[in-house]
Amino acid sequence: FPADNLILTETFRRTGENKLVYGFRVDDPSVFTSKFYGEYPLSRIDESIYEYACHEGNYGMVGILAGARKLEQIAEDESGR
């Protein structure tokens, strides 16, 4: 997956000063019985975008959080708290 004859079309359509719509269309007769499409409305934000990536079942989350706590502890120790 995907097959060699997959046609994936993605679009971005501005619908307002601070809004756009992400769209996608999938055409792959080797895998799906019919074409399908979807849209996702997006609004502008003034913050960083969080990446919703898989963390391998979040098994690595324990290490990530432990590292963050260690950095916080080092910062506290250096600031003399």
N, C-alpha and C. Protein backbone atom coordinates (compact mmCIF):
# COMPACT_ATOMS: atom_id res chain seq x y z
N PHE A 1 0.85 -1.17 0.00
CA PHE A 1 0.00 0.00 0.00
C PHE A 1 0.88 1.21 0.00
N PRO A 2 0.75 2.18 -0.78
CA PRO A 2 -0.21 2.34 -1.88
C PRO A 2 0.24 1.61 -3.15
N ALA A 3 -0.70 1.38 -4.03
CA ALA A 3 -0.41 0.73 -5.30
C ALA A 3 0.25 1.72 -6.25
N ASP A 4 0.83 1.19 -7.31
CA ASP A 4 1.53 2.04 -8.27
C ASP A 4 0.61 3.02 -8.99
N ASN A 5 -0.68 2.72 -9.07
CA ASN A 5 -1.58 3.60 -9.82
C ASN A 5 -2.38 4.53 -8.90
N LEU A 6 -1.90 4.74 -7.69
CA LEU A 6 -2.55 5.68 -6.77
C LEU A 6 -2.44 7.09 -7.32
N ILE A 7 -3.55 7.81 -7.28
CA ILE A 7 -3.54 9.24 -7.57
C ILE A 7 -4.07 9.94 -6.32
N LEU A 8 -3.20 10.68 -5.67
CA LEU A 8 -3.56 11.43 -4.47
C LEU A 8 -3.44 12.90 -4.81
N THR A 9 -4.53 13.61 -4.65
CA THR A 9 -4.54 15.04 -4.95
C THR A 9 -4.86 15.79 -3.66
N GLU A 10 -3.99 16.73 -3.30
CA GLU A 10 -4.20 17.55 -2.12
C GLU A 10 -4.41 18.99 -2.55
N THR A 11 -5.32 19.68 -1.88
CA THR A 11 -5.60 21.07 -2.20
C THR A 11 -5.65 21.90 -0.92
N PHE A 12 -5.32 23.17 -1.08
CA PHE A 12 -5.47 24.14 -0.02
C PHE A 12 -6.28 25.29 -0.60
N ARG A 13 -7.44 25.56 0.00
CA ARG A 13 -8.34 26.59 -0.52
C ARG A 13 -8.57 27.63 0.59
N ARG A 14 -8.24 28.87 0.28
CA ARG A 14 -8.44 29.93 1.25
C ARG A 14 -9.92 30.32 1.25
N THR A 15 -10.54 30.30 2.43
CA THR A 15 -11.96 30.60 2.54
C THR A 15 -12.24 31.88 3.32
N GLY A 16 -11.21 32.50 3.82
CA GLY A 16 -11.35 33.74 4.57
C GLY A 16 -9.98 34.27 4.90
N GLU A 17 -9.93 35.44 5.52
CA GLU A 17 -8.64 36.04 5.82
C GLU A 17 -7.79 35.15 6.73
N ASN A 18 -8.44 34.47 7.65
CA ASN A 18 -7.72 33.62 8.61
C ASN A 18 -8.17 32.16 8.56
N LYS A 19 -8.72 31.74 7.44
CA LYS A 19 -9.23 30.37 7.32
C LYS A 19 -8.84 29.76 5.98
N LEU A 20 -8.61 28.45 6.00
CA LEU A 20 -8.42 27.71 4.76
C LEU A 20 -8.95 26.31 4.95
N VAL A 21 -9.14 25.63 3.84
CA VAL A 21 -9.63 24.26 3.86
C VAL A 21 -8.60 23.38 3.16
N TYR A 22 -8.14 22.36 3.89
CA TYR A 22 -7.26 21.36 3.31
C TYR A 22 -8.16 20.26 2.76
N GLY A 23 -7.95 19.89 1.51
CA GLY A 23 -8.74 18.82 0.90
C GLY A 23 -7.84 17.75 0.31
N PHE A 24 -8.38 16.55 0.24
CA PHE A 24 -7.63 15.46 -0.40
C PHE A 24 -8.61 14.57 -1.16
N ARG A 25 -8.12 14.02 -2.25
CA ARG A 25 -8.90 13.10 -3.08
C ARG A 25 -8.02 11.89 -3.37
N VAL A 26 -8.56 10.71 -3.15
CA VAL A 26 -7.82 9.46 -3.34
C VAL A 26 -8.48 8.64 -4.44
N ASP A 27 -7.70 8.27 -5.43
CA ASP A 27 -8.17 7.42 -6.53
C ASP A 27 -7.16 6.29 -6.70
N ASP A 28 -7.54 5.10 -6.25
CA ASP A 28 -6.66 3.94 -6.36
C ASP A 28 -7.53 2.69 -6.53
N PRO A 29 -7.93 2.39 -7.77
CA PRO A 29 -8.83 1.26 -8.01
C PRO A 29 -8.24 -0.09 -7.63
N SER A 30 -6.93 -0.17 -7.45
CA SER A 30 -6.32 -1.43 -7.03
C SER A 30 -6.60 -1.74 -5.56
N VAL A 31 -6.88 -0.69 -4.78
CA VAL A 31 -7.06 -0.85 -3.35
C VAL A 31 -8.50 -0.56 -2.91
N PHE A 32 -9.10 0.50 -3.49
CA PHE A 32 -10.43 0.94 -3.08
C PHE A 32 -11.45 0.70 -4.19
N THR A 33 -12.70 0.46 -3.80
CA THR A 33 -13.75 0.21 -4.79
C THR A 33 -14.26 1.48 -5.44
N SER A 34 -14.01 2.62 -4.82
CA SER A 34 -14.42 3.90 -5.42
C SER A 34 -13.49 5.00 -4.92
N LYS A 35 -13.51 6.11 -5.64
CA LYS A 35 -12.73 7.28 -5.24
C LYS A 35 -13.36 7.85 -3.97
N PHE A 36 -12.55 8.53 -3.17
CA PHE A 36 -13.12 9.23 -2.02
C PHE A 36 -12.32 10.49 -1.76
N TYR A 37 -12.94 11.39 -1.01
CA TYR A 37 -12.28 12.65 -0.70
C TYR A 37 -12.68 13.10 0.69
N GLY A 38 -11.93 14.05 1.18
CA GLY A 38 -12.24 14.64 2.48
C GLY A 38 -11.71 16.05 2.54
N GLU A 39 -12.23 16.79 3.49
CA GLU A 39 -11.79 18.16 3.72
C GLU A 39 -11.62 18.38 5.21
N TYR A 40 -10.73 19.28 5.53
CA TYR A 40 -10.46 19.61 6.92
C TYR A 40 -10.30 21.12 7.02
N PRO A 41 -11.22 21.82 7.72
CA PRO A 41 -11.09 23.27 7.85
C PRO A 41 -10.02 23.63 8.86
N LEU A 42 -9.26 24.66 8.56
CA LEU A 42 -8.18 25.12 9.43
C LEU A 42 -8.35 26.61 9.70
N SER A 43 -8.09 27.01 10.93
CA SER A 43 -8.14 28.42 11.30
C SER A 43 -6.75 28.87 11.73
N ARG A 44 -6.44 30.11 11.44
CA ARG A 44 -5.13 30.65 11.81
C ARG A 44 -5.04 30.78 13.32
N ILE A 45 -3.88 30.40 13.85
CA ILE A 45 -3.61 30.58 15.27
C ILE A 45 -2.26 31.28 15.41
N ASP A 46 -2.08 31.95 16.51
CA ASP A 46 -0.82 32.66 16.75
C ASP A 46 0.09 31.88 17.69
N GLU A 47 0.03 30.57 17.61
CA GLU A 47 0.84 29.70 18.45
C GLU A 47 1.56 28.69 17.58
N SER A 48 2.52 28.01 18.16
CA SER A 48 3.21 26.94 17.44
C SER A 48 2.25 25.78 17.23
N ILE A 49 2.44 25.07 16.14
CA ILE A 49 1.59 23.92 15.84
C ILE A 49 2.20 22.69 16.49
N TYR A 50 1.39 21.93 17.20
CA TYR A 50 1.84 20.70 17.83
C TYR A 50 1.81 19.58 16.81
N GLU A 51 2.88 18.83 16.72
CA GLU A 51 2.95 17.72 15.78
C GLU A 51 2.31 16.49 16.43
N TYR A 52 1.25 16.00 15.81
CA TYR A 52 0.56 14.82 16.33
C TYR A 52 1.19 13.57 15.73
N ALA A 53 2.39 13.29 16.12
CA ALA A 53 3.11 12.14 15.58
C ALA A 53 3.04 10.99 16.57
N CYS A 54 3.09 9.81 16.06
CA CYS A 54 3.10 8.62 16.90
C CYS A 54 4.46 8.51 17.57
N HIS A 55 4.46 8.15 18.81
CA HIS A 55 5.71 7.94 19.54
C HIS A 55 5.87 6.46 19.84
N GLU A 56 5.71 5.63 18.81
CA GLU A 56 5.89 4.19 18.94
C GLU A 56 5.12 3.65 20.14
N GLY A 57 3.81 3.93 20.14
CA GLY A 57 2.99 3.46 21.24
C GLY A 57 3.23 4.22 22.53
N ASN A 58 3.91 5.35 22.42
CA ASN A 58 4.27 6.20 23.55
C ASN A 58 5.18 5.50 24.57
N TYR A 59 5.83 4.41 24.18
CA TYR A 59 6.79 3.76 25.07
C TYR A 59 7.97 4.69 25.34
N GLY A 60 8.28 5.55 24.40
CA GLY A 60 9.38 6.49 24.59
C GLY A 60 8.99 7.66 25.47
N MET A 61 7.69 7.82 25.76
CA MET A 61 7.22 8.96 26.53
C MET A 61 7.84 8.99 27.93
N VAL A 62 8.05 7.84 28.54
CA VAL A 62 8.67 7.80 29.87
C VAL A 62 10.05 8.45 29.84
N GLY A 63 10.85 8.10 28.84
CA GLY A 63 12.17 8.69 28.71
C GLY A 63 12.12 10.17 28.38
N ILE A 64 11.18 10.55 27.52
CA ILE A 64 11.04 11.96 27.14
C ILE A 64 10.70 12.79 28.38
N LEU A 65 9.73 12.32 29.16
CA LEU A 65 9.32 13.06 30.35
C LEU A 65 10.42 13.06 31.42
N ALA A 66 11.12 11.94 31.57
CA ALA A 66 12.22 11.89 32.54
C ALA A 66 13.31 12.89 32.17
N GLY A 67 13.61 12.99 30.88
CA GLY A 67 14.60 13.95 30.42
C GLY A 67 14.17 15.38 30.69
N ALA A 68 12.89 15.66 30.46
CA ALA A 68 12.36 17.00 30.70
C ALA A 68 12.42 17.34 32.19
N ARG A 69 12.06 16.39 33.05
CA ARG A 69 12.12 16.63 34.50
C ARG A 69 13.56 16.88 34.94
N LYS A 70 14.51 16.17 34.35
CA LYS A 70 15.93 16.35 34.70
C LYS A 70 16.39 17.75 34.31
N LEU A 71 15.99 18.20 33.11
CA LEU A 71 16.35 19.56 32.69
C LEU A 71 15.73 20.61 33.60
N GLU A 72 14.50 20.38 34.04
CA GLU A 72 13.86 21.30 34.98
C GLU A 72 14.62 21.34 36.30
N GLN A 73 15.05 20.17 36.77
CA GLN A 73 15.79 20.09 38.03
C GLN A 73 17.13 20.82 37.92
N ILE A 74 17.82 20.65 36.81
CA ILE A 74 19.09 21.34 36.59
C ILE A 74 18.87 22.85 36.59
N ALA A 75 17.83 23.31 35.92
CA ALA A 75 17.53 24.75 35.87
C ALA A 75 17.23 25.28 37.27
N GLU A 76 16.48 24.53 38.07
CA GLU A 76 16.19 24.95 39.44
C GLU A 76 17.46 25.02 40.28
N ASP A 77 18.31 24.00 40.15
CA ASP A 77 19.57 23.98 40.91
C ASP A 77 20.46 25.16 40.55
N GLU A 78 20.50 25.49 39.26
CA GLU A 78 21.35 26.59 38.81
C GLU A 78 20.80 27.95 39.22
N SER A 79 19.49 28.05 39.39
CA SER A 79 18.90 29.33 39.77
C SER A 79 18.91 29.53 41.29
N GLY A 80 19.32 28.50 42.05
CA GLY A 80 19.48 28.62 43.49
C GLY A 80 18.19 28.49 44.27
N ARG A 81 17.20 27.86 43.71
CA ARG A 81 15.93 27.68 44.43
C ARG A 81 16.04 26.64 45.50
